[in-house]
């Protein structure tokens, strides 16, 4: 990281940024062409979880290339100035890399869906088996992760 003064090295702070985020941006690549998609997610401290349709561009790319990048950000806002080149931005962000895989067995899919729902609600949920069978559930095992913060003391 170029700006070491903005780097976050404390994993608890990185985890808090992830947990405060509403969406994760998942970046994929096919034939050296990037593709990024904002997704709802779940996080268990070592992996990210996503769900969606069994077919589509995201799934097609993941079947060919399991390497992904992900991004979270929170508390972002511009910091105005009277001078054009003196504006700044206050933000917290996390970027990481990992390997994605589709979960196939029902127990793994149900556990992942619980982790996703826990991120957005304190309620417990039941999942109709037929719907789960028709749902793609993706697990991203986190390899590396870095955090960055600006505009905070």
Protein backbone atom coordinates (compact mmCIF):
# COMPACT_ATOMS: atom_id res chain seq x y z
CA UNK A 1 0.00 0.00 0.00
CA UNK A 2 1.44 3.33 -1.05
CA UNK A 3 -0.05 5.42 1.76
CA UNK A 4 0.99 3.55 4.90
CA UNK A 5 -0.48 6.38 7.01
CA UNK A 6 -3.94 5.35 5.76
CA UNK A 7 -3.46 1.58 6.07
CA UNK A 8 -5.54 -0.43 8.51
CA UNK A 9 -3.64 -3.41 9.87
CA UNK A 10 -5.91 -4.30 12.82
CA UNK A 11 -8.06 -7.25 11.73
CA UNK A 12 -10.82 -6.27 14.18
CA UNK A 13 -11.14 -2.89 12.44
CA UNK A 14 -11.17 -4.57 9.04
CA UNK A 15 -13.87 -6.97 10.26
CA UNK A 16 -15.93 -4.06 11.62
CA UNK A 17 -15.85 -2.33 8.22
CA UNK A 18 -17.04 -5.53 6.54
CA UNK A 19 -19.76 -6.01 9.15
CA UNK A 20 -20.93 -2.37 8.81
CA UNK A 21 -21.21 -2.65 5.02
CA UNK A 22 -24.52 -3.24 3.31
CA UNK A 23 -23.09 -4.53 0.05
CA UNK A 24 -19.96 -6.22 -1.21
CA UNK A 25 -18.61 -5.58 -4.67
CA UNK A 26 -17.32 -8.82 -6.12
CA UNK A 27 -14.88 -8.55 -9.01
CA UNK A 28 -14.43 -11.41 -11.44
CA UNK A 29 -12.38 -11.79 -14.61
CA UNK A 30 -12.91 -13.69 -17.82
CA UNK A 31 -10.51 -13.57 -20.77
CA UNK A 32 -8.72 -10.59 -19.16
CA UNK A 33 -11.99 -8.66 -19.04
CA UNK A 34 -13.13 -7.49 -15.58
CA UNK A 35 -16.68 -7.82 -14.33
CA UNK A 36 -17.84 -6.39 -11.00
CA UNK A 37 -21.18 -6.87 -9.30
CA UNK A 38 -22.61 -5.46 -6.05
CA UNK A 39 -24.08 -8.20 -3.87
CA UNK A 40 -25.67 -8.80 -0.51
CA UNK A 41 -23.42 -11.06 1.52
CA UNK A 42 -22.62 -12.91 4.69
CA UNK A 43 -19.29 -13.05 6.51
CA UNK A 44 -18.05 -15.53 9.10
CA UNK A 45 -14.56 -14.16 9.72
CA UNK A 46 -12.77 -16.34 7.16
CA UNK A 47 -15.13 -16.52 4.19
CA UNK A 48 -17.75 -14.50 2.34
CA UNK A 49 -21.05 -15.95 1.15
CA UNK A 50 -23.30 -14.86 -1.71
CA UNK A 51 -26.42 -16.26 -3.32
CA UNK A 52 -28.18 -15.82 -6.63
CA UNK A 53 -29.45 -17.54 -9.71
CA UNK A 54 -27.96 -20.83 -10.88
CA UNK A 55 -27.34 -19.34 -14.31
CA UNK A 56 -25.96 -16.03 -15.49
CA UNK A 57 -22.79 -14.15 -16.20
CA UNK A 58 -21.41 -14.30 -12.64
CA UNK A 59 -21.81 -18.08 -12.47
CA UNK A 60 -20.44 -18.57 -15.99
CA UNK A 61 -17.29 -16.62 -15.10
CA UNK A 62 -16.81 -18.39 -11.75
CA UNK A 63 -16.99 -21.77 -13.44
CA UNK A 64 -13.97 -20.74 -15.53
CA UNK A 65 -12.00 -18.62 -13.04
CA UNK A 66 -12.32 -18.98 -9.27
CA UNK A 67 -9.99 -16.05 -8.47
CA UNK A 68 -11.91 -13.04 -7.21
CA UNK A 69 -11.37 -9.64 -5.66
CA UNK A 70 -13.85 -8.01 -3.29
CA UNK A 71 -14.42 -4.52 -1.91
CA UNK A 72 -16.34 -3.01 0.98
CA UNK A 73 -16.65 0.61 2.00
CA UNK A 74 -18.44 2.54 4.71
CA UNK A 75 -18.87 6.03 6.08
CA UNK A 76 -17.82 7.72 2.85
CA UNK A 77 -18.40 11.39 2.22
CA UNK A 78 -16.63 14.28 0.52
CA UNK A 79 -14.74 16.80 2.63
CA UNK A 80 -15.28 20.15 0.87
CA UNK A 81 -12.80 22.99 0.64
CA UNK A 82 -12.84 26.48 -0.80
CA UNK A 83 -10.07 25.43 -3.18
CA UNK A 84 -10.80 22.91 -5.92
CA UNK A 85 -7.68 20.82 -5.43
CA UNK A 86 -8.00 20.78 -1.65
CA UNK A 87 -11.14 18.65 -1.46
CA UNK A 88 -10.75 15.28 0.16
CA UNK A 89 -12.84 12.25 1.04
CA UNK A 90 -13.58 10.59 4.36
CA UNK A 91 -13.92 6.82 4.02
CA UNK A 92 -13.15 3.36 5.35
CA UNK A 93 -12.58 0.55 2.87
CA UNK A 94 -11.48 -3.06 2.62
CA UNK A 95 -10.14 -4.86 -0.41
CA UNK A 96 -9.25 -8.52 -0.55
CA UNK A 97 -8.62 -11.51 -2.75
CA UNK A 98 -9.89 -15.03 -2.51
CA UNK A 99 -11.02 -18.16 -4.27
CA UNK A 100 -14.69 -18.80 -4.98
CA UNK A 101 -16.54 -22.06 -5.14
CA UNK A 102 -20.14 -23.05 -5.59
CA UNK A 103 -21.60 -24.90 -2.64
CA UNK A 104 -23.42 -28.01 -3.78
CA UNK A 105 -24.67 -29.92 -0.75
CA UNK A 106 -27.82 -28.82 1.05
CA UNK A 107 -26.26 -28.51 4.53
CA UNK A 108 -23.50 -26.18 3.29
CA UNK A 109 -25.98 -24.09 1.35
CA UNK A 110 -28.31 -23.76 4.36
CA UNK A 111 -25.45 -22.77 6.66
CA UNK A 112 -24.31 -20.14 4.14
CA UNK A 113 -27.83 -18.76 3.73
CA UNK A 114 -28.07 -18.46 7.53
CA UNK A 115 -24.80 -16.47 7.55
CA UNK A 116 -26.10 -14.18 4.80
CA UNK A 117 -29.43 -13.58 6.55
CA UNK A 118 -27.70 -13.01 9.91
CA UNK A 119 -25.91 -10.03 8.33
CA UNK A 120 -29.26 -8.33 7.65
CA UNK A 121 -31.61 -9.61 10.37
CA UNK A 122 -31.68 -11.05 13.87
CA UNK A 123 -34.57 -13.34 12.91
CA UNK A 124 -34.21 -17.03 12.09
CA UNK A 125 -35.45 -18.22 8.72
CA UNK A 126 -36.63 -21.44 7.11
CA UNK A 127 -35.69 -22.09 3.50
CA UNK A 128 -37.97 -24.14 1.23
CA UNK A 129 -35.91 -27.05 -0.09
CA UNK A 130 -37.09 -26.56 -3.68
CA UNK A 131 -35.99 -22.92 -3.66
CA UNK A 132 -32.59 -23.78 -2.16
CA UNK A 133 -32.06 -26.39 -4.89
CA UNK A 134 -32.65 -23.63 -7.47
CA UNK A 135 -30.27 -21.18 -5.76
CA UNK A 136 -26.56 -20.79 -6.37
CA UNK A 137 -24.62 -20.28 -3.16
CA UNK A 138 -21.04 -19.08 -3.45
CA UNK A 139 -18.35 -19.27 -0.80
CA UNK A 140 -15.24 -17.11 -1.15
CA UNK A 141 -12.35 -18.25 1.01
CA UNK A 142 -10.41 -15.10 1.84
CA UNK A 143 -6.72 -15.20 0.98
CA UNK A 144 -5.53 -11.67 1.66
CA UNK A 145 -7.31 -8.56 2.89
CA UNK A 146 -6.23 -4.97 3.45
CA UNK A 147 -7.96 -1.94 4.87
CA UNK A 148 -7.64 1.77 4.28
CA UNK A 149 -9.08 4.77 6.10
CA UNK A 150 -8.94 8.51 5.50
CA UNK A 151 -10.44 11.51 7.29
CA UNK A 152 -10.58 9.87 10.72
CA UNK A 153 -8.37 10.41 13.76
